[in-house]
Amino acid sequence: MTAAIEIREIVKTFGGATALDRCSLTITAGCVTGIIGPNGAGKTTLLDVLCGLVPPDSGQVLFRGVPITGLPPHAVAARGIVRTFQIVRDLAGLTVLETLLLAPGDQIGETILGALFRRGAVEAQERTRAVRARALLDRIGLWRLADAPAASLSGGQRKLLDLARALMLDPAVLCLDEPAAGVSPPLLDEIIGLIRDLRAAGLTLIIVEHDMHLVREVCDHVHVLAQGRPLVSGTFAEVTADPRVVEAYLGLAA
């Protein structure tokens, strides 16, 4: 199977603490890959390195065979790797719809020349993105709240909106950081259904998650991290049956 992302020997330290210790793993294209592990295992740091939020001390990240190590977040996103965050940050004063419309880069109307001399192109781009935004809001059940302040949404609704905002960038790889955290069971079912639809459409997804129900339901492959490096990899059933995983999570010999 084709590798979308290769993570090779990544090391990342913060002060005297090692978050990633020569971490190497592969993300398969067109699949949903789960990254699980106990607190402090390095899961979110791995996403931060992958998406350019923090530079590694050493090692390499390749996307479709091309090194992207050390690129800034906007450059990584422009190449097709987009992420959500565990704690959703609202853009103050924006409605739900405006939050989506603002997400894509390369807005023609943001430049002086574009605004003055390419009005037709600006309007065409805005129409296209408005149609996509409405389709996404329809899919996640938030179209009726399109004109509501984004800050007024519940925690679970904000997670859905953050996911839709990432999809407005039309990513090749979507990284989700704990999409189930703070989400009610009905909205979690919505997120699970959306992830399944995205996988069926050919999107590659990486999910860092503590909720084992979500991991079991959507992940094709799972990497278990412990102390900054992969401990076990395989299907959900394989990794959860491995006694090393029980020991890593519970600190007990199995």
C-alpha atoms as a PDB file:
ATOM      1  CA  MET A   1       0.000   0.000   0.000  1.00  0.00           C
ATOM      2  CA  THR A   2       1.175   3.531  -0.776  1.00  0.00           C
ATOM      3  CA  ALA A   3       2.693   5.611   2.008  1.00  0.00           C
ATOM      4  CA  ALA A   4       1.239   9.112   2.270  1.00  0.00           C
ATOM      5  CA  ILE A   5       3.571  10.186   5.081  1.00  0.00           C
ATOM      6  CA  GLU A   6       6.826   8.738   6.363  1.00  0.00           C
ATOM      7  CA  ILE A   7       8.095   9.840   9.760  1.00  0.00           C
ATOM      8  CA  ARG A   8      11.739   8.912  10.199  1.00  0.00           C
ATOM      9  CA  GLU A   9      13.712   8.975  13.448  1.00  0.00           C
ATOM     10  CA  ILE A  10      12.088  12.153  14.785  1.00  0.00           C
ATOM     11  CA  VAL A  11      13.541  13.509  18.013  1.00  0.00           C
ATOM     12  CA  LYS A  12      11.933  16.392  19.897  1.00  0.00           C
ATOM     13  CA  THR A  13      12.907  17.575  23.352  1.00  0.00           C
ATOM     14  CA  PHE A  14      11.525  20.353  25.527  1.00  0.00           C
ATOM     15  CA  GLY A  15      14.114  21.389  28.071  1.00  0.00           C
ATOM     16  CA  GLY A  16      15.237  18.165  29.665  1.00  0.00           C
ATOM     17  CA  ALA A  17      12.143  16.181  28.641  1.00  0.00           C
ATOM     18  CA  THR A  18      12.122  13.996  25.533  1.00  0.00           C
ATOM     19  CA  ALA A  19       8.706  14.086  23.844  1.00  0.00           C
ATOM     20  CA  LEU A  20       9.699  12.093  20.747  1.00  0.00           C
ATOM     21  CA  ASP A  21      12.569   9.621  20.873  1.00  0.00           C
ATOM     22  CA  ARG A  22      13.671   8.544  17.375  1.00  0.00           C
ATOM     23  CA  CYS A  23      10.036   8.078  16.426  1.00  0.00           C
ATOM     24  CA  SER A  24       9.436   6.351  13.082  1.00  0.00           C
ATOM     25  CA  LEU A  25       6.138   5.314  11.540  1.00  0.00           C
ATOM     26  CA  THR A  26       4.259   5.297   8.244  1.00  0.00           C
ATOM     27  CA  ILE A  27       0.813   6.683   7.389  1.00  0.00           C
ATOM     28  CA  THR A  28      -0.879   4.752   4.582  1.00  0.00           C
ATOM     29  CA  ALA A  29      -2.695   6.740   1.893  1.00  0.00           C
ATOM     30  CA  GLY A  30      -6.469   6.459   1.823  1.00  0.00           C
ATOM     31  CA  CYS A  31      -6.707   4.937   5.306  1.00  0.00           C
ATOM     32  CA  VAL A  32      -7.647   6.122   8.785  1.00  0.00           C
ATOM     33  CA  THR A  33      -4.654   5.787  11.099  1.00  0.00           C
ATOM     34  CA  GLY A  34      -5.110   6.077  14.842  1.00  0.00           C
ATOM     35  CA  ILE A  35      -2.351   7.225  17.181  1.00  0.00           C
ATOM     36  CA  ILE A  36      -3.047   6.273  20.775  1.00  0.00           C
ATOM     37  CA  GLY A  37      -1.097   5.975  23.978  1.00  0.00           C
ATOM     38  CA  PRO A  38      -0.981   7.147  27.592  1.00  0.00           C
ATOM     39  CA  ASN A  39      -0.693  10.808  28.542  1.00  0.00           C
ATOM     40  CA  GLY A  40       2.782  12.108  27.766  1.00  0.00           C
ATOM     41  CA  ALA A  41       3.453   9.521  25.071  1.00  0.00           C
ATOM     42  CA  GLY A  42       4.187  12.227  22.461  1.00  0.00           C
ATOM     43  CA  LYS A  43       1.013  11.968  20.376  1.00  0.00           C
ATOM     44  CA  THR A  44       0.161  15.665  20.028  1.00  0.00           C
ATOM     45  CA  THR A  45       3.833  16.588  19.695  1.00  0.00           C
ATOM     46  CA  LEU A  46       4.017  14.209  16.745  1.00  0.00           C
ATOM     47  CA  LEU A  47       1.120  16.057  15.069  1.00  0.00           C
ATOM     48  CA  ASP A  48       2.762  19.396  15.860  1.00  0.00           C
ATOM     49  CA  VAL A  49       5.998  18.290  14.174  1.00  0.00           C
ATOM     50  CA  LEU A  50       4.151  16.797  11.211  1.00  0.00           C
ATOM     51  CA  CYS A  51       2.122  19.980  10.641  1.00  0.00           C
ATOM     52  CA  GLY A  52       5.029  22.391  11.131  1.00  0.00           C
ATOM     53  CA  LEU A  53       3.975  23.875  14.456  1.00  0.00           C
ATOM     54  CA  VAL A  54       7.216  22.826  16.147  1.00  0.00           C
ATOM     55  CA  PRO A  55      10.513  21.914  14.458  1.00  0.00           C
ATOM     56  CA  PRO A  56      12.093  18.554  15.298  1.00  0.00           C
ATOM     57  CA  ASP A  57      15.563  18.434  16.800  1.00  0.00           C
ATOM     58  CA  SER A  58      16.442  15.751  14.266  1.00  0.00           C
ATOM     59  CA  GLY A  59      14.811  13.320  11.885  1.00  0.00           C
ATOM     60  CA  GLN A  60      12.747  13.737   8.756  1.00  0.00           C
ATOM     61  CA  VAL A  61       9.117  13.915   7.628  1.00  0.00           C
ATOM     62  CA  LEU A  62       8.263  13.018   4.027  1.00  0.00           C
ATOM     63  CA  PHE A  63       4.942  13.657   2.315  1.00  0.00           C
ATOM     64  CA  ARG A  64       4.484  11.663  -0.874  1.00  0.00           C
ATOM     65  CA  GLY A  65       8.224  11.070  -0.858  1.00  0.00           C
ATOM     66  CA  VAL A  66       9.159  14.763  -0.591  1.00  0.00           C
ATOM     67  CA  PRO A  67      10.793  16.122   2.600  1.00  0.00           C
ATOM     68  CA  ILE A  68       8.661  18.705   4.427  1.00  0.00           C
ATOM     69  CA  THR A  69      10.632  18.752   7.680  1.00  0.00           C
ATOM     70  CA  GLY A  70      10.759  22.213   9.218  1.00  0.00           C
ATOM     71  CA  LEU A  71       8.303  23.878   6.849  1.00  0.00           C
ATOM     72  CA  PRO A  72       6.028  26.445   8.551  1.00  0.00           C
ATOM     73  CA  PRO A  73       2.380  25.484   9.155  1.00  0.00           C
ATOM     74  CA  HIS A  74       0.981  27.486   6.226  1.00  0.00           C
ATOM     75  CA  ALA A  75       3.405  25.815   3.824  1.00  0.00           C
ATOM     76  CA  VAL A  76       2.506  22.344   5.135  1.00  0.00           C
ATOM     77  CA  ALA A  77      -1.212  23.179   4.795  1.00  0.00           C
ATOM     78  CA  ALA A  78      -0.633  24.438   1.247  1.00  0.00           C
ATOM     79  CA  ARG A  79       0.818  21.023   0.391  1.00  0.00           C
ATOM     80  CA  GLY A  80      -2.355  19.349   1.631  1.00  0.00           C
ATOM     81  CA  ILE A  81      -1.797  18.425   5.297  1.00  0.00           C
ATOM     82  CA  VAL A  82      -4.354  20.130   7.553  1.00  0.00           C
ATOM     83  CA  ARG A  83      -5.158  19.619  11.226  1.00  0.00           C
ATOM     84  CA  THR A  84      -7.754  20.338  13.873  1.00  0.00           C
ATOM     85  CA  PHE A  85      -7.017  20.997  17.534  1.00  0.00           C
ATOM     86  CA  GLN A  86      -8.107  19.421  20.792  1.00  0.00           C
ATOM     87  CA  ILE A  87      -9.158  22.845  22.097  1.00  0.00           C
ATOM     88  CA  VAL A  88     -11.073  24.707  19.404  1.00  0.00           C
ATOM     89  CA  ARG A  89     -10.211  28.384  19.041  1.00  0.00           C
ATOM     90  CA  ASP A  90     -13.034  30.596  17.820  1.00  0.00           C
ATOM     91  CA  LEU A  91     -12.458  33.679  15.695  1.00  0.00           C
ATOM     92  CA  ALA A  92     -14.155  36.384  17.734  1.00  0.00           C
ATOM     93  CA  GLY A  93     -17.224  37.971  16.188  1.00  0.00           C
ATOM     94  CA  LEU A  94     -17.586  35.596  13.228  1.00  0.00           C
ATOM     95  CA  THR A  95     -20.699  33.618  12.446  1.00  0.00           C
ATOM     96  CA  VAL A  96     -20.636  29.896  11.758  1.00  0.00           C
ATOM     97  CA  LEU A  97     -20.760  30.495   7.993  1.00  0.00           C
ATOM     98  CA  GLU A  98     -18.125  33.254   8.068  1.00  0.00           C
ATOM     99  CA  THR A  99     -15.793  30.919   9.976  1.00  0.00           C
ATOM    100  CA  LEU A 100     -15.845  28.515   7.038  1.00  0.00           C
ATOM    101  CA  LEU A 101     -15.618  31.170   4.345  1.00  0.00           C
ATOM    102  CA  LEU A 102     -12.524  32.671   5.952  1.00  0.00           C
ATOM    103  CA  ALA A 103     -10.675  29.341   6.139  1.00  0.00           C
ATOM    104  CA  PRO A 104      -9.289  28.901   2.588  1.00  0.00           C
ATOM    105  CA  GLY A 105      -6.140  30.701   1.592  1.00  0.00           C
ATOM    106  CA  ASP A 106      -5.507  32.389  -1.756  1.00  0.00           C
ATOM    107  CA  GLN A 107      -8.498  34.715  -1.421  1.00  0.00           C
ATOM    108  CA  ILE A 108      -8.405  36.790  -4.604  1.00  0.00           C
ATOM    109  CA  GLY A 109     -10.227  39.701  -2.960  1.00  0.00           C
ATOM    110  CA  GLU A 110      -7.585  40.034  -0.233  1.00  0.00           C
ATOM    111  CA  THR A 111      -5.156  41.725  -2.624  1.00  0.00           C
ATOM    112  CA  ILE A 112      -5.570  45.318  -3.774  1.00  0.00           C
ATOM    113  CA  LEU A 113      -5.221  44.397  -7.444  1.00  0.00           C
ATOM    114  CA  GLY A 114      -7.684  41.551  -7.066  1.00  0.00           C
ATOM    115  CA  ALA A 115     -10.259  43.702  -5.311  1.00  0.00           C
ATOM    116  CA  LEU A 116      -9.935  46.514  -7.871  1.00  0.00           C
ATOM    117  CA  PHE A 117      -9.486  44.725 -11.188  1.00  0.00           C
ATOM    118  CA  ARG A 118     -10.687  41.131 -10.782  1.00  0.00           C
ATOM    119  CA  ARG A 119     -14.131  41.652  -9.362  1.00  0.00           C
ATOM    120  CA  GLY A 120     -15.644  38.919 -11.522  1.00  0.00           C
ATOM    121  CA  ALA A 121     -13.069  36.387 -10.363  1.00  0.00           C
ATOM    122  CA  VAL A 122     -13.595  37.436  -6.747  1.00  0.00           C
ATOM    123  CA  GLU A 123     -17.354  36.948  -6.994  1.00  0.00           C
ATOM    124  CA  ALA A 124     -16.981  33.584  -8.733  1.00  0.00           C
ATOM    125  CA  GLN A 125     -14.582  32.372  -6.055  1.00  0.00           C
ATOM    126  CA  GLU A 126     -16.896  33.579  -3.289  1.00  0.00           C
ATOM    127  CA  ARG A 127     -19.883  31.801  -4.853  1.00  0.00           C
ATOM    128  CA  THR A 128     -17.963  28.541  -5.203  1.00  0.00           C
ATOM    129  CA  ARG A 129     -16.779  28.656  -1.618  1.00  0.00           C
ATOM    130  CA  ALA A 130     -20.223  29.591  -0.326  1.00  0.00           C
ATOM    131  CA  VAL A 131     -21.696  26.522  -2.034  1.00  0.00           C
ATOM    132  CA  ARG A 132     -19.006  24.309  -0.473  1.00  0.00           C
ATOM    133  CA  ALA A 133     -19.499  25.876   2.946  1.00  0.00           C
ATOM    134  CA  ARG A 134     -23.246  25.289   2.802  1.00  0.00           C
ATOM    135  CA  ALA A 135     -22.731  21.664   1.741  1.00  0.00           C
ATOM    136  CA  LEU A 136     -20.375  21.077   4.679  1.00  0.00           C
ATOM    137  CA  LEU A 137     -22.719  22.766   7.156  1.00  0.00           C
ATOM    138  CA  ASP A 138     -25.585  20.669   5.802  1.00  0.00           C
ATOM    139  CA  ARG A 139     -23.472  17.521   6.244  1.00  0.00           C
ATOM    140  CA  ILE A 140     -22.643  18.275   9.881  1.00  0.00           C
ATOM    141  CA  GLY A 141     -26.141  19.513  10.732  1.00  0.00           C
ATOM    142  CA  LEU A 142     -25.208  23.139  11.396  1.00  0.00           C
ATOM    143  CA  TRP A 143     -26.747  24.955   8.412  1.00  0.00           C
ATOM    144  CA  ARG A 144     -29.647  26.186  10.545  1.00  0.00           C
ATOM    145  CA  LEU A 145     -27.020  27.913  12.722  1.00  0.00           C
ATOM    146  CA  ALA A 146     -25.113  29.443   9.797  1.00  0.00           C
ATOM    147  CA  ASP A 147     -25.795  33.012  10.965  1.00  0.00           C
ATOM    148  CA  ALA A 148     -25.263  32.292  14.664  1.00  0.00           C
ATOM    149  CA  PRO A 149     -22.039  33.414  16.375  1.00  0.00           C
ATOM    150  CA  ALA A 150     -19.526  30.582  16.263  1.00  0.00           C
ATOM    151  CA  ALA A 151     -18.778  31.250  19.936  1.00  0.00           C
ATOM    152  CA  SER A 152     -22.379  30.329  20.821  1.00  0.00           C
ATOM    153  CA  LEU A 153     -22.002  26.699  19.729  1.00  0.00           C
ATOM    154  CA  SER A 154     -21.700  23.826  22.178  1.00  0.00           C
ATOM    155  CA  GLY A 155     -18.359  22.079  22.605  1.00  0.00           C
ATOM    156  CA  GLY A 156     -19.370  19.236  20.323  1.00  0.00           C
ATOM    157  CA  GLN A 157     -20.722  21.603  17.669  1.00  0.00           C
ATOM    158  CA  ARG A 158     -17.459  23.534  17.755  1.00  0.00           C
ATOM    159  CA  LYS A 159     -15.579  20.284  17.097  1.00  0.00           C
ATOM    160  CA  LEU A 160     -17.777  19.671  14.049  1.00  0.00           C
ATOM    161  CA  LEU A 161     -17.261  23.247  12.854  1.00  0.00           C
ATOM    162  CA  ASP A 162     -13.496  22.959  13.292  1.00  0.00           C
ATOM    163  CA  LEU A 163     -13.534  19.769  11.234  1.00  0.00           C
ATOM    164  CA  ALA A 164     -15.595  21.473   8.514  1.00  0.00           C
ATOM    165  CA  ARG A 165     -13.224  24.461   8.565  1.00  0.00           C
ATOM    166  CA  ALA A 166     -10.307  22.107   7.897  1.00  0.00           C
ATOM    167  CA  LEU A 167     -12.235  20.485   5.040  1.00  0.00           C
ATOM    168  CA  MET A 168     -12.708  23.899   3.406  1.00  0.00           C
ATOM    169  CA  LEU A 169      -8.980  23.700   2.618  1.00  0.00           C
ATOM    170  CA  ASP A 170      -9.611  20.540   0.565  1.00  0.00           C
ATOM    171  CA  PRO A 171      -6.815  18.585   2.292  1.00  0.00           C
ATOM    172  CA  ALA A 172      -5.144  15.399   1.110  1.00  0.00           C
ATOM    173  CA  VAL A 173      -4.376  14.453   4.721  1.00  0.00           C
ATOM    174  CA  LEU A 174      -6.579  15.478   7.637  1.00  0.00           C
ATOM    175  CA  CYS A 175      -5.113  15.272  11.148  1.00  0.00           C
ATOM    176  CA  LEU A 176      -7.631  15.238  14.007  1.00  0.00           C
ATOM    177  CA  ASP A 177      -6.426  15.912  17.546  1.00  0.00           C
ATOM    178  CA  GLU A 178      -8.868  14.253  19.977  1.00  0.00           C
ATOM    179  CA  PRO A 179     -12.073  14.879  17.983  1.00  0.00           C
ATOM    180  CA  ALA A 180     -14.131  12.999  20.609  1.00  0.00           C
ATOM    181  CA  ALA A 181     -13.003  15.069  23.608  1.00  0.00           C
ATOM    182  CA  GLY A 182     -15.965  16.769  25.283  1.00  0.00           C
ATOM    183  CA  VAL A 183     -18.426  15.561  22.652  1.00  0.00           C
ATOM    184  CA  SER A 184     -21.856  14.157  23.524  1.00  0.00           C
ATOM    185  CA  PRO A 185     -22.747  10.648  22.254  1.00  0.00           C
ATOM    186  CA  PRO A 186     -25.118  11.877  19.490  1.00  0.00           C
ATOM    187  CA  LEU A 187     -22.520  14.314  18.125  1.00  0.00           C
ATOM    188  CA  LEU A 188     -19.816  11.659  18.437  1.00  0.00           C
ATOM    189  CA  ASP A 189     -21.920   9.458  16.164  1.00  0.00           C
ATOM    190  CA  GLU A 190     -22.013  12.369  13.688  1.00  0.00           C
ATOM    191  CA  ILE A 191     -18.219  12.645  13.785  1.00  0.00           C
ATOM    192  CA  ILE A 192     -17.810   8.892  13.297  1.00  0.00           C
ATOM    193  CA  GLY A 193     -20.162   8.974  10.309  1.00  0.00           C
ATOM    194  CA  LEU A 194     -18.310  11.926   8.785  1.00  0.00           C
ATOM    195  CA  ILE A 195     -14.925  10.230   9.199  1.00  0.00           C
ATOM    196  CA  ARG A 196     -16.265   7.117   7.481  1.00  0.00           C
ATOM    197  CA  ASP A 197     -17.595   9.221   4.598  1.00  0.00           C
ATOM    198  CA  LEU A 198     -14.261  11.009   4.225  1.00  0.00           C
ATOM    199  CA  ARG A 199     -12.373   7.726   4.146  1.00  0.00           C
ATOM    200  CA  ALA A 200     -14.799   6.366   1.510  1.00  0.00           C
ATOM    201  CA  ALA A 201     -14.058   9.479  -0.565  1.00  0.00           C
ATOM    202  CA  GLY A 202     -10.335   8.635  -0.504  1.00  0.00           C
ATOM    203  CA  LEU A 203      -9.103  11.069   2.160  1.00  0.00           C
ATOM    204  CA  THR A 204      -6.180  10.054   4.368  1.00  0.00           C
ATOM    205  CA  LEU A 205      -6.861  10.676   8.059  1.00  0.00           C
ATOM    206  CA  ILE A 206      -4.663  10.653  11.152  1.00  0.00           C
ATOM    207  CA  ILE A 207      -6.488  10.613  14.480  1.00  0.00           C
ATOM    208  CA  VAL A 208      -4.914  11.192  17.885  1.00  0.00           C
ATOM    209  CA  GLU A 209      -7.506   9.990  20.365  1.00  0.00           C
ATOM    210  CA  HIS A 210      -8.169   8.635  23.858  1.00  0.00           C
ATOM    211  CA  ASP A 211     -11.731   7.499  23.086  1.00  0.00           C
ATOM    212  CA  MET A 212     -11.337   3.835  22.209  1.00  0.00           C
ATOM    213  CA  HIS A 213     -14.889   3.602  20.865  1.00  0.00           C
ATOM    214  CA  LEU A 214     -14.060   6.068  18.093  1.00  0.00           C
ATOM    215  CA  VAL A 215     -10.712   4.400  17.379  1.00  0.00           C
ATOM    216  CA  ARG A 216     -12.337   0.977  17.139  1.00  0.00           C
ATOM    217  CA  GLU A 217     -15.112   2.235  14.869  1.00  0.00           C
ATOM    218  CA  VAL A 218     -13.079   4.162  12.274  1.00  0.00           C
ATOM    219  CA  CYS A 219      -9.372   3.260  12.299  1.00  0.00           C
ATOM    220  CA  ASP A 220      -7.887   0.855   9.768  1.00  0.00           C
ATOM    221  CA  HIS A 221      -4.512   0.873  11.487  1.00  0.00           C
ATOM    222  CA  VAL A 222      -3.353   1.928  14.953  1.00  0.00           C
ATOM    223  CA  HIS A 223       0.037   3.002  16.284  1.00  0.00           C
ATOM    224  CA  VAL A 224       0.467   2.887  20.058  1.00  0.00           C
ATOM    225  CA  LEU A 225       3.030   5.413  21.315  1.00  0.00           C
ATOM    226  CA  ALA A 226       4.835   5.113  24.626  1.00  0.00           C
ATOM    227  CA  GLN A 227       7.712   7.278  25.828  1.00  0.00           C
ATOM    228  CA  GLY A 228       7.950   9.061  22.498  1.00  0.00           C
ATOM    229  CA  ARG A 229       8.155   6.124  20.118  1.00  0.00           C
ATOM    230  CA  PRO A 230       5.863   3.447  18.614  1.00  0.00           C
ATOM    231  CA  LEU A 231       5.354   0.496  20.943  1.00  0.00           C
ATOM    232  CA  VAL A 232       2.901  -1.622  18.932  1.00  0.00           C
ATOM    233  CA  SER A 233       1.267  -1.222  15.514  1.00  0.00           C
ATOM    234  CA  GLY A 234      -1.573  -3.135  13.903  1.00  0.00           C
ATOM    235  CA  THR A 235      -5.347  -3.302  13.790  1.00  0.00           C
ATOM    236  CA  PHE A 236      -7.346  -2.142  16.794  1.00  0.00           C
ATOM    237  CA  ALA A 237      -7.962  -5.736  17.853  1.00  0.00           C
ATOM    238  CA  GLU A 238      -4.277  -6.596  17.541  1.00  0.00           C
ATOM    239  CA  VAL A 239      -2.911  -3.668  19.528  1.00  0.00           C
ATOM    240  CA  THR A 240      -5.496  -3.844  22.309  1.00  0.00           C
ATOM    241  CA  ALA A 241      -4.762  -7.549  22.792  1.00  0.00           C
ATOM    242  CA  ASP A 242      -1.025  -6.926  23.173  1.00  0.00           C
ATOM    243  CA  PRO A 243       0.098  -7.131  26.825  1.00  0.00           C
ATOM    244  CA  ARG A 244       2.655  -4.369  26.222  1.00  0.00           C
ATOM    245  CA  VAL A 245      -0.197  -1.958  25.546  1.00  0.00           C
ATOM    246  CA  VAL A 246      -1.921  -2.873  28.809  1.00  0.00           C
ATOM    247  CA  GLU A 247       1.362  -2.331  30.639  1.00  0.00           C
ATOM    248  CA  ALA A 248       1.966   1.040  28.930  1.00  0.00           C
ATOM    249  CA  TYR A 249      -1.527   2.334  29.801  1.00  0.00           C
ATOM    250  CA  LEU A 250      -1.865   0.898  33.283  1.00  0.00           C
ATOM    251  CA  GLY A 251       1.732   0.569  34.398  1.00  0.00           C
ATOM    252  CA  LEU A 252       1.123  -3.087  35.172  1.00  0.00           C
ATOM    253  CA  ALA A 253       2.658  -6.254  33.857  1.00  0.00           C
ATOM    254  CA  ALA A 254       0.014  -8.174  31.946  1.00  0.00           C
END
